Amino acid sequence: MIDVHVLTHSGTKPEWLDQCLRSLEGEPVVVHVVEGIEGSVGAGRAKGFQLGTCEFVAYVDSDDYVVPGGYAKSLAAMVGNRCVVPREYVEYTDGRRHKYTKSGHNGGVYRRGDILPLLPAMQATPYAADRMTRMTLAPTQLDHVGYVWRVHKQGAHHLLTRETSEQEKSAWLLTAPQ
């Protein structure tokens, strides 16, 4: 099983959260809905990753959802891997959808023992925590599509500028275990 936290915030749309939670039904997950920390996705991640007792942890943002069977395939792939990340679809508010062509972005599954030492660094990086976690743990890219990233104007990724990214990278490097 995987402890999956669903991070919410003041702008969470109830219909998107409902879709997110429905998409997790039937997956090998224990769901934890977590009220995020306004202004810091990283602090919300740290809060969410502390919940549960499963060996494996993951997250889904409340505006995104998973593809049926996505976490089952990712969990099976954890045999022999430190962490994994599936392919994903990008979905726009007008309904357009395409496969994300870059390597893993969302939907990663991690070992709790690898994530817990990174929690202080996540708290120090409001918007780059997900990126820095991937850079630190280097998940194995899987071939299946397991996650749908909904792109919209209110998405937190719009807040990560080049300058903010550099500042947060420095904060991560100063805080993360070496």
N, C-alpha and C. Protein backbone atom coordinates (compact mmCIF):
# COMPACT_ATOMS: atom_id res chain seq x y z
N MET A 1 0.84 -1.19 0.00
CA MET A 1 0.00 0.00 0.00
C MET A 1 0.88 1.25 0.00
N ILE A 2 0.27 2.33 -0.44
CA ILE A 2 0.94 3.62 -0.53
C ILE A 2 0.12 4.64 0.26
N ASP A 3 0.75 5.38 1.16
CA ASP A 3 0.09 6.52 1.78
C ASP A 3 0.15 7.67 0.78
N VAL A 4 -1.01 8.11 0.33
CA VAL A 4 -1.10 9.21 -0.65
C VAL A 4 -1.78 10.39 0.02
N HIS A 5 -1.09 11.54 0.02
CA HIS A 5 -1.78 12.73 0.53
C HIS A 5 -2.27 13.58 -0.64
N VAL A 6 -3.46 14.13 -0.44
CA VAL A 6 -4.09 15.04 -1.40
C VAL A 6 -4.04 16.41 -0.76
N LEU A 7 -3.23 17.27 -1.32
CA LEU A 7 -2.99 18.60 -0.75
C LEU A 7 -4.07 19.57 -1.23
N THR A 8 -4.78 20.19 -0.28
CA THR A 8 -5.80 21.17 -0.61
C THR A 8 -5.31 22.56 -0.18
N HIS A 9 -6.03 23.58 -0.61
CA HIS A 9 -5.70 24.97 -0.26
C HIS A 9 -6.96 25.80 -0.39
N SER A 10 -6.87 27.07 -0.12
CA SER A 10 -8.06 27.93 -0.12
C SER A 10 -8.74 28.01 -1.48
N GLY A 11 -8.01 27.78 -2.55
CA GLY A 11 -8.60 27.84 -3.89
C GLY A 11 -9.03 26.49 -4.45
N THR A 12 -9.02 25.45 -3.62
CA THR A 12 -9.40 24.12 -4.10
C THR A 12 -10.84 24.14 -4.59
N LYS A 13 -11.04 23.64 -5.81
CA LYS A 13 -12.38 23.55 -6.38
C LYS A 13 -12.99 22.22 -5.95
N PRO A 14 -14.14 22.26 -5.30
CA PRO A 14 -14.76 21.02 -4.80
C PRO A 14 -14.96 19.95 -5.88
N GLU A 15 -15.33 20.35 -7.08
CA GLU A 15 -15.57 19.37 -8.15
C GLU A 15 -14.27 18.70 -8.59
N TRP A 16 -13.16 19.43 -8.57
CA TRP A 16 -11.87 18.83 -8.93
C TRP A 16 -11.39 17.91 -7.81
N LEU A 17 -11.59 18.33 -6.55
CA LEU A 17 -11.22 17.48 -5.43
C LEU A 17 -12.02 16.18 -5.46
N ASP A 18 -13.31 16.28 -5.75
CA ASP A 18 -14.15 15.08 -5.84
C ASP A 18 -13.62 14.14 -6.92
N GLN A 19 -13.28 14.69 -8.09
CA GLN A 19 -12.73 13.87 -9.17
C GLN A 19 -11.42 13.22 -8.74
N CYS A 20 -10.58 13.98 -8.07
CA CYS A 20 -9.30 13.47 -7.58
C CYS A 20 -9.52 12.28 -6.65
N LEU A 21 -10.40 12.45 -5.67
CA LEU A 21 -10.65 11.39 -4.69
C LEU A 21 -11.29 10.16 -5.35
N ARG A 22 -12.21 10.38 -6.28
CA ARG A 22 -12.82 9.24 -7.00
C ARG A 22 -11.76 8.48 -7.80
N SER A 23 -10.77 9.19 -8.34
CA SER A 23 -9.75 8.53 -9.15
C SER A 23 -8.86 7.62 -8.31
N LEU A 24 -8.84 7.83 -7.00
CA LEU A 24 -8.02 7.01 -6.11
C LEU A 24 -8.74 5.75 -5.62
N GLU A 25 -10.04 5.69 -5.86
CA GLU A 25 -10.80 4.51 -5.46
C GLU A 25 -10.31 3.30 -6.24
N GLY A 26 -10.12 2.21 -5.55
CA GLY A 26 -9.65 0.99 -6.19
C GLY A 26 -8.14 0.90 -6.38
N GLU A 27 -7.43 1.96 -6.04
CA GLU A 27 -5.97 1.95 -6.11
C GLU A 27 -5.42 1.41 -4.79
N PRO A 28 -4.20 0.89 -4.76
CA PRO A 28 -3.61 0.36 -3.53
C PRO A 28 -3.06 1.49 -2.66
N VAL A 29 -3.97 2.37 -2.21
CA VAL A 29 -3.55 3.57 -1.48
C VAL A 29 -4.39 3.77 -0.23
N VAL A 30 -3.79 4.45 0.73
CA VAL A 30 -4.50 4.99 1.88
C VAL A 30 -4.48 6.50 1.67
N VAL A 31 -5.66 7.10 1.57
CA VAL A 31 -5.77 8.52 1.21
C VAL A 31 -5.83 9.39 2.46
N HIS A 32 -5.03 10.46 2.43
CA HIS A 32 -5.02 11.46 3.50
C HIS A 32 -5.27 12.82 2.84
N VAL A 33 -6.42 13.42 3.09
CA VAL A 33 -6.69 14.77 2.58
C VAL A 33 -6.06 15.74 3.57
N VAL A 34 -5.19 16.59 3.06
CA VAL A 34 -4.39 17.48 3.89
C VAL A 34 -4.66 18.93 3.54
N GLU A 35 -5.02 19.70 4.54
CA GLU A 35 -5.16 21.14 4.33
C GLU A 35 -3.76 21.71 4.24
N GLY A 36 -3.44 22.29 3.09
CA GLY A 36 -2.10 22.81 2.85
C GLY A 36 -1.80 24.04 3.69
N ILE A 37 -0.58 24.50 3.56
CA ILE A 37 -0.11 25.70 4.23
C ILE A 37 -0.10 26.79 3.15
N GLU A 38 -0.94 27.80 3.32
CA GLU A 38 -1.05 28.84 2.29
C GLU A 38 0.32 29.46 2.01
N GLY A 39 0.64 29.56 0.74
CA GLY A 39 1.90 30.17 0.32
C GLY A 39 3.09 29.23 0.31
N SER A 40 2.88 27.93 0.63
CA SER A 40 4.01 27.01 0.63
C SER A 40 3.57 25.57 0.32
N VAL A 41 3.70 25.22 -0.93
CA VAL A 41 3.42 23.83 -1.32
C VAL A 41 4.38 22.91 -0.58
N GLY A 42 5.63 23.31 -0.43
CA GLY A 42 6.63 22.48 0.24
C GLY A 42 6.26 22.17 1.68
N ALA A 43 5.77 23.16 2.42
CA ALA A 43 5.36 22.92 3.81
C ALA A 43 4.16 21.98 3.85
N GLY A 44 3.25 22.12 2.90
CA GLY A 44 2.12 21.21 2.81
C GLY A 44 2.56 19.79 2.50
N ARG A 45 3.53 19.65 1.60
CA ARG A 45 4.08 18.32 1.28
C ARG A 45 4.68 17.68 2.54
N ALA A 46 5.48 18.47 3.25
CA ALA A 46 6.11 17.95 4.47
C ALA A 46 5.04 17.47 5.46
N LYS A 47 3.98 18.22 5.59
CA LYS A 47 2.88 17.84 6.48
C LYS A 47 2.23 16.53 5.99
N GLY A 48 1.98 16.44 4.70
CA GLY A 48 1.32 15.27 4.13
C GLY A 48 2.17 14.02 4.18
N PHE A 49 3.45 14.13 3.90
CA PHE A 49 4.33 12.96 3.90
C PHE A 49 4.52 12.36 5.29
N GLN A 50 4.20 13.11 6.33
CA GLN A 50 4.33 12.59 7.69
C GLN A 50 3.17 11.67 8.09
N LEU A 51 2.10 11.68 7.31
CA LEU A 51 0.91 10.92 7.67
C LEU A 51 1.01 9.47 7.23
N GLY A 52 0.42 8.60 8.03
CA GLY A 52 0.34 7.19 7.69
C GLY A 52 1.54 6.40 8.15
N THR A 53 1.53 5.11 7.77
CA THR A 53 2.58 4.19 8.20
C THR A 53 3.07 3.29 7.07
N CYS A 54 2.56 3.46 5.87
CA CYS A 54 2.97 2.60 4.76
C CYS A 54 4.44 2.83 4.42
N GLU A 55 5.06 1.82 3.86
CA GLU A 55 6.46 1.93 3.44
C GLU A 55 6.62 2.93 2.30
N PHE A 56 5.57 3.06 1.48
CA PHE A 56 5.63 3.92 0.29
C PHE A 56 4.72 5.12 0.47
N VAL A 57 5.15 6.26 -0.09
CA VAL A 57 4.38 7.50 -0.01
C VAL A 57 4.30 8.16 -1.38
N ALA A 58 3.24 8.95 -1.57
CA ALA A 58 3.04 9.68 -2.82
C ALA A 58 2.09 10.84 -2.53
N TYR A 59 1.85 11.65 -3.54
CA TYR A 59 0.88 12.74 -3.42
C TYR A 59 0.11 12.90 -4.72
N VAL A 60 -1.06 13.51 -4.58
CA VAL A 60 -1.84 13.97 -5.73
C VAL A 60 -2.33 15.35 -5.36
N ASP A 61 -2.12 16.31 -6.21
CA ASP A 61 -2.66 17.64 -5.95
C ASP A 61 -4.16 17.61 -6.17
N SER A 62 -4.89 18.41 -5.41
CA SER A 62 -6.35 18.37 -5.44
C SER A 62 -6.95 18.79 -6.78
N ASP A 63 -6.17 19.42 -7.64
CA ASP A 63 -6.69 19.79 -8.96
C ASP A 63 -6.30 18.78 -10.03
N ASP A 64 -5.60 17.72 -9.65
CA ASP A 64 -5.17 16.68 -10.57
C ASP A 64 -5.90 15.37 -10.24
N TYR A 65 -5.62 14.33 -11.00
CA TYR A 65 -6.20 13.03 -10.70
C TYR A 65 -5.34 11.94 -11.31
N VAL A 66 -5.61 10.69 -10.93
CA VAL A 66 -4.80 9.57 -11.41
C VAL A 66 -5.58 8.75 -12.43
N VAL A 67 -4.83 8.09 -13.29
CA VAL A 67 -5.38 7.21 -14.31
C VAL A 67 -5.66 5.85 -13.64
N PRO A 68 -6.79 5.21 -13.94
CA PRO A 68 -7.08 3.91 -13.32
C PRO A 68 -5.91 2.92 -13.47
N GLY A 69 -5.53 2.33 -12.35
CA GLY A 69 -4.44 1.36 -12.35
C GLY A 69 -3.05 1.97 -12.27
N GLY A 70 -2.98 3.29 -12.28
CA GLY A 70 -1.67 3.96 -12.27
C GLY A 70 -0.83 3.66 -11.05
N TYR A 71 -1.43 3.77 -9.87
CA TYR A 71 -0.66 3.49 -8.67
C TYR A 71 -0.38 2.00 -8.50
N ALA A 72 -1.27 1.15 -8.97
CA ALA A 72 -1.01 -0.30 -8.90
C ALA A 72 0.23 -0.65 -9.72
N LYS A 73 0.35 -0.07 -10.91
CA LYS A 73 1.52 -0.33 -11.75
C LYS A 73 2.79 0.26 -11.11
N SER A 74 2.67 1.46 -10.55
CA SER A 74 3.83 2.08 -9.91
C SER A 74 4.27 1.30 -8.68
N LEU A 75 3.32 0.81 -7.91
CA LEU A 75 3.67 0.02 -6.73
C LEU A 75 4.39 -1.26 -7.13
N ALA A 76 3.91 -1.92 -8.18
CA ALA A 76 4.58 -3.13 -8.66
C ALA A 76 6.00 -2.82 -9.12
N ALA A 77 6.20 -1.64 -9.67
CA ALA A 77 7.53 -1.25 -10.17
C ALA A 77 8.50 -0.89 -9.04
N MET A 78 8.01 -0.74 -7.83
CA MET A 78 8.90 -0.41 -6.71
C MET A 78 9.81 -1.58 -6.35
N VAL A 79 9.46 -2.78 -6.78
CA VAL A 79 10.35 -3.92 -6.56
C VAL A 79 11.61 -3.65 -7.39
N GLY A 80 12.72 -3.50 -6.72
CA GLY A 80 13.98 -3.25 -7.42
C GLY A 80 14.26 -1.79 -7.74
N ASN A 81 13.37 -0.88 -7.35
CA ASN A 81 13.59 0.55 -7.58
C ASN A 81 13.49 1.32 -6.26
N ARG A 82 14.28 2.36 -6.16
CA ARG A 82 14.23 3.22 -4.98
C ARG A 82 12.97 4.09 -5.01
N CYS A 83 12.65 4.64 -6.18
CA CYS A 83 11.44 5.42 -6.38
C CYS A 83 11.13 5.43 -7.87
N VAL A 84 9.87 5.67 -8.19
CA VAL A 84 9.42 5.62 -9.58
C VAL A 84 8.50 6.79 -9.87
N VAL A 85 8.37 7.11 -11.14
CA VAL A 85 7.42 8.15 -11.57
C VAL A 85 6.83 7.72 -12.91
N PRO A 86 5.49 7.81 -13.05
CA PRO A 86 4.86 7.42 -14.31
C PRO A 86 4.91 8.56 -15.32
N ARG A 87 4.51 8.27 -16.51
CA ARG A 87 4.24 9.32 -17.50
C ARG A 87 2.96 10.02 -17.08
N GLU A 88 2.65 11.12 -17.70
CA GLU A 88 1.41 11.82 -17.35
C GLU A 88 0.80 12.51 -18.56
N TYR A 89 -0.46 12.79 -18.41
CA TYR A 89 -1.19 13.62 -19.37
C TYR A 89 -1.23 15.04 -18.81
N VAL A 90 -1.22 16.01 -19.71
CA VAL A 90 -1.49 17.40 -19.36
C VAL A 90 -2.90 17.67 -19.84
N GLU A 91 -3.73 18.20 -18.97
CA GLU A 91 -5.12 18.49 -19.33
C GLU A 91 -5.41 19.96 -19.06
N TYR A 92 -5.99 20.62 -20.05
CA TYR A 92 -6.31 22.04 -19.94
C TYR A 92 -7.78 22.22 -19.59
N THR A 93 -8.13 23.39 -19.08
CA THR A 93 -9.50 23.63 -18.65
C THR A 93 -10.49 23.59 -19.80
N ASP A 94 -10.02 23.74 -21.03
CA ASP A 94 -10.93 23.65 -22.19
C ASP A 94 -11.11 22.20 -22.66
N GLY A 95 -10.52 21.25 -21.93
CA GLY A 95 -10.70 19.84 -22.26
C GLY A 95 -9.60 19.22 -23.10
N ARG A 96 -8.74 20.05 -23.68
CA ARG A 96 -7.63 19.48 -24.46
C ARG A 96 -6.72 18.69 -23.55
N ARG A 97 -6.15 17.62 -24.11
CA ARG A 97 -5.25 16.77 -23.32
C ARG A 97 -4.18 16.22 -24.25
N HIS A 98 -2.96 16.14 -23.74
CA HIS A 98 -1.88 15.51 -24.50
C HIS A 98 -0.92 14.86 -23.52
N LYS A 99 -0.11 13.97 -24.03
CA LYS A 99 0.89 13.30 -23.21
C LYS A 99 2.01 14.30 -22.91
N TYR A 100 2.44 14.34 -21.66
CA TYR A 100 3.56 15.18 -21.24
C TYR A 100 4.82 14.54 -21.78
N THR A 101 5.60 15.28 -22.54
CA THR A 101 6.73 14.69 -23.24
C THR A 101 8.03 14.66 -22.44
N LYS A 102 8.10 15.43 -21.36
CA LYS A 102 9.31 15.43 -20.55
C LYS A 102 9.28 14.25 -19.59
N SER A 103 10.40 14.00 -18.94
CA SER A 103 10.44 12.90 -17.97
C SER A 103 9.60 13.25 -16.76
N GLY A 104 9.41 12.25 -15.90
CA GLY A 104 8.52 12.31 -14.75
C GLY A 104 8.40 13.64 -14.05
N HIS A 105 7.20 13.97 -13.68
CA HIS A 105 6.88 15.25 -13.10
C HIS A 105 6.01 15.05 -11.86
N ASN A 106 4.88 14.38 -12.00
CA ASN A 106 3.95 14.14 -10.88
C ASN A 106 3.65 12.65 -10.77
N GLY A 107 3.08 12.28 -9.64
CA GLY A 107 2.64 10.90 -9.45
C GLY A 107 3.72 9.95 -8.99
N GLY A 108 4.86 10.47 -8.56
CA GLY A 108 5.95 9.61 -8.11
C GLY A 108 5.60 8.85 -6.84
N VAL A 109 6.20 7.68 -6.71
CA VAL A 109 6.07 6.87 -5.50
C VAL A 109 7.47 6.75 -4.90
N TYR A 110 7.55 7.07 -3.60
CA TYR A 110 8.83 7.11 -2.91
C TYR A 110 8.80 6.18 -1.69
N ARG A 111 9.95 5.80 -1.22
CA ARG A 111 10.04 5.07 0.04
C ARG A 111 10.03 6.10 1.17
N ARG A 112 9.21 5.82 2.16
CA ARG A 112 9.08 6.75 3.29
C ARG A 112 10.46 7.08 3.89
N GLY A 113 11.32 6.08 4.00
CA GLY A 113 12.65 6.29 4.58
C GLY A 113 13.51 7.26 3.80
N ASP A 114 13.24 7.41 2.50
CA ASP A 114 13.99 8.38 1.69
C ASP A 114 13.39 9.78 1.79
N ILE A 115 12.08 9.85 2.04
CA ILE A 115 11.38 11.15 2.08
C ILE A 115 11.55 11.84 3.43
N LEU A 116 11.45 11.10 4.52
CA LEU A 116 11.45 11.74 5.84
C LEU A 116 12.66 12.64 6.10
N PRO A 117 13.88 12.26 5.70
CA PRO A 117 15.01 13.18 5.92
C PRO A 117 14.92 14.47 5.11
N LEU A 118 14.07 14.49 4.08
CA LEU A 118 13.95 15.68 3.22
C LEU A 118 12.89 16.66 3.70
N LEU A 119 12.13 16.31 4.73
CA LEU A 119 11.03 17.17 5.18
C LEU A 119 11.48 18.58 5.56
N PRO A 120 12.59 18.78 6.29
CA PRO A 120 13.01 20.15 6.59
C PRO A 120 13.33 20.95 5.31
N ALA A 121 13.92 20.30 4.33
CA ALA A 121 14.22 20.99 3.07
C ALA A 121 12.93 21.35 2.33
N MET A 122 11.93 20.47 2.38
CA MET A 122 10.64 20.78 1.75
C MET A 122 10.02 22.01 2.38
N GLN A 123 10.09 22.09 3.70
CA GLN A 123 9.53 23.25 4.40
C GLN A 123 10.24 24.55 4.03
N ALA A 124 11.49 24.46 3.62
CA ALA A 124 12.29 25.64 3.26
C ALA A 124 12.10 26.05 1.80
N THR A 125 11.36 25.23 1.02
CA THR A 125 11.21 25.51 -0.41
C THR A 125 9.73 25.52 -0.78
N PRO A 126 9.09 26.70 -0.72
CA PRO A 126 7.65 26.79 -0.94
C PRO A 126 7.15 26.25 -2.28
N TYR A 127 7.89 26.48 -3.36
CA TYR A 127 7.37 26.09 -4.67
C TYR A 127 8.24 25.09 -5.42
N ALA A 128 9.48 24.90 -5.02
CA ALA A 128 10.38 24.00 -5.75
C ALA A 128 10.58 22.65 -5.06
N ALA A 129 9.84 22.38 -3.99
CA ALA A 129 10.05 21.15 -3.23
C ALA A 129 9.86 19.90 -4.08
N ASP A 130 8.83 19.88 -4.92
CA ASP A 130 8.60 18.69 -5.76
C ASP A 130 9.76 18.49 -6.73
N ARG A 131 10.18 19.55 -7.37
CA ARG A 131 11.29 19.46 -8.33
C ARG A 131 12.57 19.03 -7.63
N MET A 132 12.85 19.62 -6.48
CA MET A 132 14.07 19.30 -5.76
C MET A 132 14.04 17.86 -5.22
N THR A 133 12.87 17.38 -4.83
CA THR A 133 12.75 15.99 -4.39
C THR A 133 13.09 15.06 -5.55
N ARG A 134 12.56 15.35 -6.72
CA ARG A 134 12.86 14.52 -7.90
C ARG A 134 14.35 14.59 -8.24
N MET A 135 14.94 15.76 -8.17
CA MET A 135 16.36 15.89 -8.48
C MET A 135 17.21 15.14 -7.47
N THR A 136 16.81 15.14 -6.21
CA THR A 136 17.57 14.48 -5.16
C THR A 136 17.45 12.96 -5.23
N LEU A 137 16.23 12.46 -5.44
CA LEU A 137 16.00 11.02 -5.39
C LEU A 137 16.03 10.34 -6.76
N ALA A 138 15.97 11.11 -7.84
CA ALA A 138 16.08 10.60 -9.22
C ALA A 138 15.21 9.36 -9.47
N PRO A 139 13.88 9.53 -9.47
CA PRO A 139 13.01 8.37 -9.68
C PRO A 139 13.20 7.74 -11.05
N THR A 140 12.99 6.44 -11.10
CA THR A 140 13.03 5.69 -12.35
C THR A 140 11.79 6.05 -13.16
N GLN A 141 11.98 6.43 -14.41
CA GLN A 141 10.86 6.78 -15.29
C GLN A 141 10.17 5.51 -15.77
N LEU A 142 8.88 5.42 -15.54
CA LEU A 142 8.08 4.29 -16.01
C LEU A 142 7.43 4.63 -17.34
N ASP A 143 6.99 3.62 -18.07
CA ASP A 143 6.39 3.85 -19.38
C ASP A 143 4.89 4.11 -19.33
N HIS A 144 4.21 3.65 -18.29
CA HIS A 144 2.75 3.82 -18.26
C HIS A 144 2.36 5.25 -17.88
N VAL A 145 1.21 5.69 -18.37
CA VAL A 145 0.65 6.98 -17.97
C VAL A 145 -0.19 6.72 -16.73
N GLY A 146 0.15 7.42 -15.65
CA GLY A 146 -0.54 7.18 -14.38
C GLY A 146 -1.12 8.41 -13.72
N TYR A 147 -0.90 9.59 -14.30
CA TYR A 147 -1.26 10.82 -13.62
C TYR A 147 -1.78 11.82 -14.65
N VAL A 148 -2.75 12.65 -14.25
CA VAL A 148 -3.25 13.72 -15.10
C VAL A 148 -3.00 15.04 -14.39
N TRP A 149 -2.15 15.86 -15.01
CA TRP A 149 -1.80 17.18 -14.47
C TRP A 149 -2.71 18.20 -15.14
N ARG A 150 -3.56 18.81 -14.34
CA ARG A 150 -4.49 19.82 -14.87
C ARG A 150 -3.79 21.18 -14.84
N VAL A 151 -3.63 21.77 -15.98
CA VAL A 151 -2.96 23.07 -16.11
C VAL A 151 -4.02 24.15 -16.20
N HIS A 152 -3.91 25.14 -15.32
CA HIS A 152 -4.86 26.25 -15.28
C HIS A 152 -4.16 27.48 -14.73
N LYS A 153 -4.80 28.62 -14.84
CA LYS A 153 -4.17 29.89 -14.46
C LYS A 153 -3.81 30.00 -12.98
N GLN A 154 -4.52 29.28 -12.11
CA GLN A 154 -4.25 29.38 -10.67
C GLN A 154 -3.19 28.37 -10.21
N GLY A 155 -2.64 27.57 -11.10
CA GLY A 155 -1.67 26.54 -10.72
C GLY A 155 -0.43 27.13 -10.07
N ALA A 156 0.05 26.45 -9.03
CA ALA A 156 1.21 26.94 -8.27
C ALA A 156 2.47 27.00 -9.13
N HIS A 157 2.53 26.21 -10.19
CA HIS A 157 3.74 26.22 -11.02
C HIS A 157 3.98 27.59 -11.67
N HIS A 158 2.94 28.40 -11.77
CA HIS A 158 3.09 29.75 -12.32
C HIS A 158 3.87 30.67 -11.37
N LEU A 159 3.96 30.30 -10.11
CA LEU A 159 4.63 31.14 -9.11
C LEU A 159 6.12 30.88 -9.02
N LEU A 160 6.60 29.85 -9.69
CA LEU A 160 8.02 29.51 -9.63
C LEU A 160 8.75 30.19 -10.79
N THR A 161 9.34 31.35 -10.49
CA THR A 161 10.12 32.08 -11.48
C THR A 161 11.55 31.57 -11.46
N ARG A 162 12.35 32.00 -12.40
CA ARG A 162 13.76 31.61 -12.42
C ARG A 162 14.47 32.08 -11.15
N GLU A 163 14.17 33.30 -10.73
CA GLU A 163 14.80 33.85 -9.52
C GLU A 163 14.36 33.06 -8.28
N THR A 164 13.06 32.81 -8.16
CA THR A 164 12.55 32.04 -7.03
C THR A 164 13.14 30.64 -7.03
N SER A 165 13.26 30.05 -8.21
CA SER A 165 13.81 28.71 -8.33
C SER A 165 15.25 28.67 -7.81
N GLU A 166 16.05 29.64 -8.18
CA GLU A 166 17.44 29.68 -7.71
C GLU A 166 17.52 29.88 -6.20
N GLN A 167 16.68 30.75 -5.66
CA GLN A 167 16.66 30.97 -4.21
C GLN A 167 16.27 29.70 -3.48
N GLU A 168 15.25 29.01 -3.99
CA GLU A 168 14.79 27.80 -3.33
C GLU A 168 15.78 26.66 -3.49
N LYS A 169 16.47 26.62 -4.61
CA LYS A 169 17.50 25.60 -4.79
C LYS A 169 18.60 25.79 -3.75
N SER A 170 18.98 27.02 -3.50
CA SER A 170 19.99 27.31 -2.47
C SER A 170 19.50 26.90 -1.09
N ALA A 171 18.23 27.23 -0.78
CA ALA A 171 17.66 26.86 0.52
C ALA A 171 17.62 25.35 0.68
N TRP A 172 17.26 24.64 -0.40
CA TRP A 172 17.22 23.17 -0.36
C TRP A 172 18.61 22.59 -0.08
N LEU A 173 19.60 23.10 -0.81
CA LEU A 173 20.96 22.59 -0.64
C LEU A 173 21.49 22.84 0.76
N LEU A 174 21.08 23.94 1.37
CA LEU A 174 21.53 24.24 2.73
C LEU A 174 20.80 23.39 3.78
N THR A 175 19.62 22.88 3.44
CA THR A 175 18.78 22.19 4.41
C THR A 175 18.75 20.68 4.24
N ALA A 176 18.82 20.20 3.00
CA ALA A 176 18.70 18.77 2.74
C ALA A 176 19.93 18.01 3.24
N PRO A 177 19.73 16.77 3.72
CA PRO A 177 20.88 15.98 4.15
C PRO A 177 21.79 15.68 2.98
N GLN A 178 23.07 15.65 3.22
CA GLN A 178 24.04 15.39 2.15
C GLN A 178 24.42 13.93 2.12
